[in-house]
Amino acid sequence: MGASCSGHHDVSEVECEKIGSTSYTNTVDVDGVVIGTEELTLTYKAQSFHSDSDRDRRLGGMSTPSSMREPSLQPFPSESTGSHSWEGDIGVPSLGPVGSAGWPGHETLTENMVSLKKDTLRLFEQSQKKKMTEFNSAFLTPMTLQTYLFPRYAPELLAKTCEHRAAMEDKLNGRGTIRLNGSTRIVGWDGQGRTIVAMEPNTLSASFGEMLDHFEYVYWNALDLNKPGAIGVVFIIDVGGGFNWKQFLSMKAVIDTVNFLKNCVHGRMAALYMVDMPSSFQGIYNAVAATAAADTRERIKCISGVDGLVEALQQLDVDVATTDYFRSFMLQRRDRAAAQTWNPVIDVPFFLERFPSLILNADTPSITADFHNEFRDAVLQFRLHKWGLPDSL
């Protein structure tokens, strides 16, 4: 666990057990004209919750909205009984593919979304000479599609996003190697339920280009941890601890970053805070920011000092426990004599206290298949614990 996450934070216990699955066909039509079908599989789980007074600590600090219902079941029967004796079973669908923003199939596609999806599939097949795998077709949820409708209808950007995801499919599913490089990690949520991702350049152990897979894995999973309906991710890059300019010389890495932000993060940068950016880092920042759309550049803020960031986070209604965490690790980054510690990918007590295998450190070389599978199960359990199920499920 990161240096500033020491101590025990009591939060509600969540237990999940797979109890079955079912499949159905979802027909998509516009004005009565069928344009396609989707085969969906729901994996059902049952949960028991035991709440206490600190359930929201470091989890966003918000009460469950009235539009969401929280599963409430009797405790699991013992395995020896061989029967389910509780009342009020609730079916919980499995998560969609990484980056699809949670549970698929519970929102209605608008006519514009249907057109966008159709055009995206066509452009992808023209470019790749093959059909999308389910990893990408199931990624085309309303939450994904809506971000490519504004400020303009952009099927070409979404098709490029799917092409990129197709190239990354094995890595994002835990079947390929993602090398960990630096401190990029999920650290909390703002008042709208948007995930906060933090990273500090002085923690990089290799070049900036070798950090991109790590960053991408964190980004797509961050979308899946958002409150249902929340759009985007809050990014915080703290340069106050310095950086090694030799790690940022690759023009290819800059171009890859620009393309990823343009295509894959399109419409989903809720905010980007650059903290204590030195003049020597300005050129790198300018190269990336110059290609951003005007509305994206408006979400980028340069901030001075730890207190300046904490104030900005408070304006986003980030809870006190999370802002205290920021104070702690930012001060550590600025202490050149201190050993720099962090938990890559996810640094939130809910995950690390319940899933010990998610506890990594600065020396962990890569994400393993076991880590990925455990993390995705933890993402599902967190969503149930924090956000509950939408009424439409």
Protein backbone atom coordinates (compact mmCIF):
# COMPACT_ATOMS: atom_id res chain seq x y z
CA MET A 1 0.00 0.00 0.00
CA GLY A 2 1.15 3.58 -0.64
CA ALA A 3 2.83 5.45 2.18
CA SER A 4 -0.16 7.61 2.97
CA CYS A 5 -2.69 4.77 3.05
CA SER A 6 -1.55 3.29 6.32
CA GLY A 7 -4.09 2.50 8.99
CA HIS A 8 -7.40 0.65 8.84
CA HIS A 9 -10.47 2.17 7.25
CA ASP A 10 -13.69 0.38 8.21
CA VAL A 11 -16.09 -0.04 5.36
CA SER A 12 -18.95 -2.40 4.59
CA GLU A 13 -18.28 -6.04 3.87
CA VAL A 14 -19.44 -7.37 0.52
CA GLU A 15 -19.60 -11.03 -0.34
CA CYS A 16 -20.29 -12.34 -3.83
CA GLU A 17 -20.89 -15.85 -5.08
CA LYS A 18 -21.64 -16.91 -8.64
CA ILE A 19 -24.99 -18.70 -8.73
CA GLY A 20 -25.78 -18.99 -12.42
CA SER A 21 -26.17 -17.22 -15.75
CA THR A 22 -28.62 -16.72 -18.56
CA SER A 23 -28.49 -15.45 -22.15
CA TYR A 24 -30.90 -13.44 -24.25
CA THR A 25 -31.06 -11.65 -27.56
CA ASN A 26 -31.48 -7.89 -27.57
CA THR A 27 -33.03 -6.49 -30.77
CA VAL A 28 -32.03 -2.99 -31.85
CA ASP A 29 -34.55 -1.17 -34.01
CA VAL A 30 -35.31 2.36 -35.18
CA ASP A 31 -38.92 3.29 -35.91
CA GLY A 32 -39.82 -0.38 -36.05
CA VAL A 33 -37.04 -1.31 -38.47
CA VAL A 34 -34.72 -3.98 -37.07
CA ILE A 35 -31.07 -3.09 -37.77
CA GLY A 36 -29.34 -5.71 -35.66
CA THR A 37 -29.31 -7.98 -32.64
CA GLU A 38 -26.93 -8.52 -29.76
CA GLU A 39 -26.39 -11.70 -27.79
CA LEU A 40 -26.01 -10.79 -24.12
CA THR A 41 -25.07 -13.07 -21.23
CA LEU A 42 -25.89 -12.14 -17.65
CA THR A 43 -23.94 -13.77 -14.84
CA TYR A 44 -25.89 -13.70 -11.61
CA LYS A 45 -24.36 -13.22 -8.22
CA ALA A 46 -25.86 -12.79 -4.75
CA GLN A 47 -24.49 -10.52 -2.08
CA SER A 48 -24.82 -9.82 1.60
CA PHE A 49 -24.00 -6.41 3.05
CA HIS A 50 -23.08 -5.54 6.63
CA SER A 51 -22.87 -1.75 6.88
CA ASP A 52 -21.23 0.51 9.45
CA SER A 53 -20.76 4.22 9.98
CA ASP A 54 -17.62 4.54 7.85
CA ARG A 55 -18.79 2.84 4.64
CA ASP A 56 -18.18 5.93 2.48
CA ARG A 57 -14.72 6.83 3.78
CA ARG A 58 -12.30 7.17 0.84
CA LEU A 59 -15.12 6.07 -1.50
CA GLY A 60 -16.40 9.42 -2.66
CA GLY A 61 -18.12 10.62 0.50
CA MET A 62 -21.58 10.57 -1.10
CA SER A 63 -24.80 8.92 -0.10
CA THR A 64 -26.35 6.44 -2.51
CA PRO A 65 -28.60 8.37 -4.93
CA SER A 66 -32.31 7.67 -4.84
CA SER A 67 -32.23 6.52 -8.47
CA MET A 68 -30.06 3.55 -7.47
CA ARG A 69 -31.09 0.58 -5.37
CA GLU A 70 -28.59 -1.19 -3.19
CA PRO A 71 -28.79 -4.98 -2.99
CA SER A 72 -29.95 -6.10 0.41
CA LEU A 73 -29.95 -9.84 1.04
CA GLN A 74 -29.82 -12.21 3.97
CA PRO A 75 -26.40 -13.72 4.73
CA PHE A 76 -25.26 -16.63 2.62
CA PRO A 77 -26.37 -20.05 3.87
CA SER A 78 -23.56 -22.37 4.83
CA GLU A 79 -22.35 -24.68 2.10
CA SER A 80 -23.40 -27.67 4.16
CA THR A 81 -27.10 -26.75 3.91
CA GLY A 82 -27.07 -27.05 0.14
CA SER A 83 -29.98 -24.63 -0.23
CA HIS A 84 -30.66 -20.91 -0.51
CA SER A 85 -32.84 -19.76 2.36
CA TRP A 86 -32.73 -15.96 1.96
CA GLU A 87 -35.45 -13.79 0.46
CA GLY A 88 -35.18 -11.19 -2.29
CA ASP A 89 -32.49 -12.66 -4.57
CA ILE A 90 -31.11 -10.06 -6.99
CA GLY A 91 -29.47 -10.97 -10.30
CA VAL A 92 -26.27 -9.03 -10.89
CA PRO A 93 -24.99 -8.98 -14.49
CA SER A 94 -21.29 -9.45 -15.06
CA LEU A 95 -19.24 -6.44 -16.07
CA GLY A 96 -18.93 -5.52 -19.71
CA PRO A 97 -15.48 -5.49 -21.35
CA VAL A 98 -12.78 -3.30 -19.83
CA GLY A 99 -13.60 0.36 -20.46
CA SER A 100 -17.30 -0.06 -21.26
CA ALA A 101 -18.32 1.79 -18.06
CA GLY A 102 -19.78 -1.09 -16.12
CA TRP A 103 -22.90 -3.09 -16.85
CA PRO A 104 -24.02 -3.30 -20.49
CA GLY A 105 -27.51 -3.64 -21.87
CA HIS A 106 -29.53 -1.60 -19.36
CA GLU A 107 -29.72 1.70 -21.27
CA THR A 108 -31.63 2.53 -24.42
CA LEU A 109 -29.81 3.50 -27.60
CA THR A 110 -31.09 6.72 -29.13
CA GLU A 111 -31.49 6.98 -32.89
CA ASN A 112 -28.25 8.95 -33.16
CA MET A 113 -26.43 6.33 -31.09
CA VAL A 114 -27.73 3.56 -33.35
CA SER A 115 -26.47 5.44 -36.41
CA LEU A 116 -23.10 6.10 -34.76
CA LYS A 117 -22.70 2.45 -33.81
CA LYS A 118 -23.60 1.31 -37.33
CA ASP A 119 -21.14 3.74 -38.95
CA THR A 120 -18.41 2.79 -36.48
CA LEU A 121 -18.81 -0.91 -37.26
CA ARG A 122 -18.70 -0.15 -40.99
CA LEU A 123 -15.54 1.97 -40.74
CA PHE A 124 -13.82 -0.58 -38.52
CA GLU A 125 -14.58 -3.44 -40.91
CA GLN A 126 -13.40 -1.39 -43.89
CA SER A 127 -10.11 -0.62 -42.18
CA GLN A 128 -9.42 -3.96 -40.49
CA LYS A 129 -10.99 -6.29 -43.09
CA LYS A 130 -12.69 -8.21 -40.30
CA LYS A 131 -15.55 -7.87 -37.85
CA MET A 132 -15.12 -6.59 -34.33
CA THR A 133 -14.69 -9.09 -31.55
CA GLU A 134 -17.13 -8.95 -28.65
CA PHE A 135 -14.49 -7.04 -26.66
CA ASN A 136 -15.16 -4.02 -28.87
CA SER A 137 -18.76 -4.57 -30.02
CA ALA A 138 -19.87 -4.81 -26.38
CA PHE A 139 -17.80 -1.69 -25.66
CA LEU A 140 -20.20 0.33 -27.85
CA THR A 141 -22.60 1.06 -25.00
CA PRO A 142 -24.66 4.25 -24.64
CA MET A 143 -22.03 5.53 -22.19
CA THR A 144 -19.37 5.10 -24.87
CA LEU A 145 -21.43 6.29 -27.82
CA GLN A 146 -22.63 9.52 -26.23
CA THR A 147 -19.09 10.87 -25.92
CA TYR A 148 -18.63 10.61 -29.71
CA LEU A 149 -21.84 12.50 -30.50
CA PHE A 150 -20.63 15.79 -29.02
CA PRO A 151 -19.30 18.27 -29.89
CA ARG A 152 -19.74 16.53 -33.24
CA TYR A 153 -20.78 13.20 -34.71
CA ALA A 154 -17.43 11.34 -34.83
CA PRO A 155 -17.65 7.70 -35.98
CA GLU A 156 -14.13 7.89 -37.43
CA LEU A 157 -12.66 8.65 -33.99
CA LEU A 158 -14.65 5.87 -32.37
CA ALA A 159 -13.59 3.42 -35.11
CA LYS A 160 -9.93 4.37 -34.49
CA THR A 161 -10.50 3.85 -30.77
CA CYS A 162 -11.83 0.35 -31.47
CA GLU A 163 -8.86 -0.36 -33.77
CA HIS A 164 -6.50 0.64 -30.96
CA ARG A 165 -8.42 -1.44 -28.43
CA ALA A 166 -8.32 -4.42 -30.80
CA ALA A 167 -4.51 -4.18 -30.83
CA MET A 168 -4.53 -3.99 -27.01
CA GLU A 169 -7.22 -6.64 -26.42
CA ASP A 170 -4.96 -9.34 -24.99
CA LYS A 171 -3.16 -6.90 -22.70
CA LEU A 172 -6.37 -5.29 -21.43
CA ASN A 173 -7.82 -8.74 -20.70
CA GLY A 174 -4.82 -9.93 -18.71
CA ARG A 175 -3.53 -12.26 -21.44
CA GLY A 176 -0.60 -10.08 -22.46
CA THR A 177 2.12 -8.37 -20.45
CA ILE A 178 1.62 -4.82 -19.21
CA ARG A 179 4.79 -3.52 -17.69
CA LEU A 180 4.32 -1.26 -14.69
CA ASN A 181 6.30 1.96 -14.90
CA GLY A 182 5.74 4.62 -12.28
CA SER A 183 2.88 5.54 -9.99
CA THR A 184 -0.12 5.86 -12.31
CA ARG A 185 -3.04 4.68 -10.17
CA ILE A 186 -6.66 5.19 -9.16
CA VAL A 187 -6.89 7.12 -5.89
CA GLY A 188 -10.53 8.10 -5.35
CA TRP A 189 -13.68 9.80 -6.71
CA ASP A 190 -15.03 13.31 -6.95
CA GLY A 191 -18.48 14.48 -5.90
CA GLN A 192 -20.01 13.45 -9.24
CA GLY A 193 -18.66 9.93 -8.92
CA ARG A 194 -15.88 10.38 -11.48
CA THR A 195 -12.73 8.37 -10.86
CA ILE A 196 -9.52 10.25 -10.04
CA VAL A 197 -6.25 9.02 -11.55
CA ALA A 198 -2.92 10.35 -10.24
CA MET A 199 0.65 10.00 -11.49
CA GLU A 200 4.00 11.64 -10.78
CA PRO A 201 6.80 11.71 -13.41
CA ASN A 202 9.56 11.41 -10.81
CA THR A 203 8.42 7.83 -10.11
CA LEU A 204 9.13 6.57 -13.65
CA SER A 205 11.74 3.81 -13.79
CA ALA A 206 11.96 3.80 -17.60
CA SER A 207 11.02 6.01 -20.52
CA PHE A 208 7.68 7.77 -20.84
CA GLY A 209 6.79 5.55 -23.80
CA GLU A 210 7.12 2.46 -21.60
CA MET A 211 4.48 3.90 -19.28
CA LEU A 212 1.70 4.18 -21.87
CA ASP A 213 0.33 0.62 -21.56
CA HIS A 214 0.24 1.03 -17.78
CA PHE A 215 -1.59 4.35 -18.12
CA GLU A 216 -4.07 2.90 -20.60
CA TYR A 217 -4.90 -0.09 -18.38
CA VAL A 218 -5.61 2.25 -15.46
CA TYR A 219 -7.69 4.62 -17.63
CA TRP A 220 -10.06 2.01 -19.06
CA ASN A 221 -10.62 0.45 -15.64
CA ALA A 222 -11.18 3.90 -14.15
CA LEU A 223 -14.16 4.34 -16.48
CA ASP A 224 -15.62 1.09 -15.12
CA LEU A 225 -15.37 2.43 -11.56
CA ASN A 226 -17.36 5.59 -12.29
CA LYS A 227 -20.77 6.09 -10.78
CA PRO A 228 -23.33 5.01 -13.41
CA GLY A 229 -24.06 8.05 -15.56
CA ALA A 230 -20.86 9.89 -14.59
CA ILE A 231 -18.79 10.85 -17.62
CA GLY A 232 -15.03 11.11 -17.68
CA VAL A 233 -11.98 10.76 -15.48
CA VAL A 234 -10.15 13.39 -13.44
CA PHE A 235 -6.39 13.26 -14.12
CA ILE A 236 -3.75 14.72 -11.81
CA ILE A 237 -0.11 14.94 -12.89
CA ASP A 238 2.14 16.21 -10.11
CA VAL A 239 5.54 17.34 -11.39
CA GLY A 240 6.53 18.84 -8.03
CA GLY A 241 8.96 16.01 -7.35
CA GLY A 242 10.83 16.70 -10.56
CA PHE A 243 11.35 14.55 -13.65
CA ASN A 244 14.12 13.05 -15.75
CA TRP A 245 14.11 14.82 -19.11
CA LYS A 246 15.94 11.88 -20.73
CA GLN A 247 12.78 9.79 -20.24
CA PHE A 248 10.75 12.17 -22.44
CA LEU A 249 12.87 12.34 -25.59
CA SER A 250 10.85 9.92 -27.74
CA MET A 251 8.77 11.74 -30.35
CA LYS A 252 6.93 8.48 -31.05
CA ALA A 253 5.75 8.36 -27.43
CA VAL A 254 4.45 11.93 -27.73
CA ILE A 255 2.60 11.10 -30.97
CA ASP A 256 1.15 7.90 -29.44
CA THR A 257 -0.04 9.93 -26.44
CA VAL A 258 -1.64 12.57 -28.64
CA ASN A 259 -3.47 9.94 -30.69
CA PHE A 260 -4.66 8.11 -27.58
CA LEU A 261 -6.00 11.30 -26.04
CA LYS A 262 -7.62 12.40 -29.30
CA ASN A 263 -9.33 9.09 -30.01
CA CYS A 264 -9.71 7.07 -26.82
CA VAL A 265 -10.10 9.83 -24.22
CA HIS A 266 -12.36 11.82 -26.53
CA GLY A 267 -14.99 13.61 -24.40
CA ARG A 268 -13.89 11.80 -21.25
CA MET A 269 -11.29 14.11 -19.76
CA ALA A 270 -13.34 15.55 -16.94
CA ALA A 271 -10.34 17.58 -15.77
CA LEU A 272 -6.55 17.56 -15.95
CA TYR A 273 -4.58 19.26 -13.20
CA MET A 274 -0.88 19.88 -13.85
CA VAL A 275 0.76 20.62 -10.49
CA ASP A 276 4.02 22.57 -10.11
CA MET A 277 4.99 22.16 -13.75
CA PRO A 278 8.55 23.51 -14.23
CA SER A 279 9.45 25.53 -17.31
CA SER A 280 11.61 22.63 -18.50
CA PHE A 281 8.47 20.45 -18.69
CA GLN A 282 6.52 23.09 -20.62
CA GLY A 283 7.68 21.86 -24.03
CA ILE A 284 6.35 18.34 -23.41
CA TYR A 285 3.06 19.76 -22.16
CA ASN A 286 2.73 22.12 -25.13
CA ALA A 287 3.35 19.31 -27.64
CA VAL A 288 0.45 17.32 -26.21
CA ALA A 289 -1.94 20.18 -25.42
CA ALA A 290 -1.58 21.80 -28.84
CA THR A 291 -3.55 19.00 -30.50
CA ALA A 292 -6.39 19.04 -27.99
CA ALA A 293 -9.79 20.44 -28.90
CA ALA A 294 -10.69 23.84 -27.46
CA ASP A 295 -13.18 22.41 -24.96
CA THR A 296 -10.55 19.91 -23.79
CA ARG A 297 -7.93 22.62 -23.27
CA GLU A 298 -10.43 24.46 -21.07
CA ARG A 299 -10.40 21.47 -18.70
CA ILE A 300 -6.62 21.62 -18.27
CA LYS A 301 -5.51 23.68 -15.29
CA CYS A 302 -1.98 24.47 -14.15
CA ILE A 303 -1.85 24.63 -10.37
CA SER A 304 0.84 25.73 -7.94
CA GLY A 305 1.55 23.85 -4.74
CA VAL A 306 -0.06 21.11 -2.68
CA ASP A 307 -2.57 23.50 -1.13
CA GLY A 308 -3.56 24.73 -4.58
CA LEU A 309 -4.45 21.20 -5.68
CA VAL A 310 -6.29 20.42 -2.46
CA GLU A 311 -8.41 23.54 -2.99
CA ALA A 312 -9.18 22.46 -6.55
CA LEU A 313 -10.19 19.00 -5.33
CA GLN A 314 -12.42 20.49 -2.68
CA GLN A 315 -14.21 22.44 -5.42
CA LEU A 316 -14.92 19.04 -7.02
CA ASP A 317 -16.38 17.81 -3.70
CA VAL A 318 -13.63 15.28 -3.12
CA ASP A 319 -13.88 13.87 0.40
CA VAL A 320 -11.46 14.80 3.19
CA ALA A 321 -9.82 11.36 3.43
CA THR A 322 -8.81 11.55 -0.23
CA THR A 323 -7.50 15.13 -0.04
CA ASP A 324 -5.50 14.13 3.05
CA TYR A 325 -4.05 11.27 1.04
CA PHE A 326 -3.01 13.73 -1.67
CA ARG A 327 -1.29 15.96 0.88
CA SER A 328 0.67 13.01 2.25
CA PHE A 329 1.99 11.49 -0.97
CA MET A 330 2.65 14.87 -2.64
CA LEU A 331 4.84 15.90 0.29
CA GLN A 332 6.66 12.58 0.00
CA ARG A 333 7.31 13.17 -3.72
CA ARG A 334 8.92 16.53 -2.89
CA ASP A 335 11.22 15.00 -0.27
CA ARG A 336 14.30 13.92 -2.25
CA ALA A 337 15.59 11.95 0.75
CA ALA A 338 12.40 9.93 1.22
CA ALA A 339 11.84 6.47 -0.24
CA GLN A 340 9.07 6.89 -2.81
CA THR A 341 6.24 4.42 -2.24
CA TRP A 342 2.93 3.78 -3.98
CA ASN A 343 0.55 1.01 -4.95
CA PRO A 344 0.34 0.80 -8.75
CA VAL A 345 -3.03 0.60 -10.56
CA ILE A 346 -5.29 1.03 -7.50
CA ASP A 347 -4.52 2.75 -4.19
CA VAL A 348 -7.85 2.75 -2.37
CA PRO A 349 -8.41 1.00 0.99
CA PHE A 350 -11.61 -0.77 -0.14
CA PHE A 351 -9.61 -2.76 -2.69
CA LEU A 352 -6.37 -3.31 -0.77
CA GLU A 353 -8.01 -4.41 2.48
CA ARG A 354 -10.34 -6.91 0.81
CA PHE A 355 -8.09 -8.15 -1.98
CA PRO A 356 -4.53 -8.58 -0.63
CA SER A 357 -3.31 -9.79 -4.02
CA LEU A 358 -3.90 -6.26 -5.34
CA ILE A 359 -1.19 -4.93 -3.02
CA LEU A 360 1.81 -4.22 -5.24
CA ASN A 361 4.79 -1.88 -4.86
CA ALA A 362 7.25 0.21 -6.83
CA ASP A 363 9.28 -2.91 -7.67
CA THR A 364 6.40 -4.96 -9.11
CA PRO A 365 7.42 -5.50 -12.76
CA SER A 366 4.09 -6.16 -14.48
CA ILE A 367 0.39 -6.98 -14.23
CA THR A 368 -0.28 -10.71 -14.12
CA ALA A 369 -3.36 -12.60 -15.31
CA ASP A 370 -4.18 -13.43 -11.67
CA PHE A 371 -3.98 -9.77 -10.72
CA HIS A 372 -6.24 -8.78 -13.61
CA ASN A 373 -8.89 -11.37 -12.74
CA GLU A 374 -8.86 -10.40 -9.07
CA PHE A 375 -9.00 -6.71 -9.93
CA ARG A 376 -12.00 -7.12 -12.24
CA ASP A 377 -13.82 -9.03 -9.52
CA ALA A 378 -12.97 -6.22 -7.10
CA VAL A 379 -14.31 -3.63 -9.58
CA LEU A 380 -17.65 -5.47 -9.66
CA GLN A 381 -17.83 -5.71 -5.88
CA PHE A 382 -16.96 -2.04 -5.48
CA ARG A 383 -19.72 -1.01 -7.89
CA LEU A 384 -22.24 -3.02 -5.90
CA HIS A 385 -20.99 -1.62 -2.62
CA LYS A 386 -20.72 2.02 -3.62
CA TRP A 387 -23.19 2.62 -6.41
CA GLY A 388 -25.69 -0.22 -6.17
CA LEU A 389 -27.66 -1.31 -9.23
CA PRO A 390 -29.48 1.04 -11.63
CA ASP A 391 -33.25 0.65 -11.44
CA SER A 392 -33.26 -0.49 -15.05
CA LEU A 393 -31.30 -3.66 -14.19
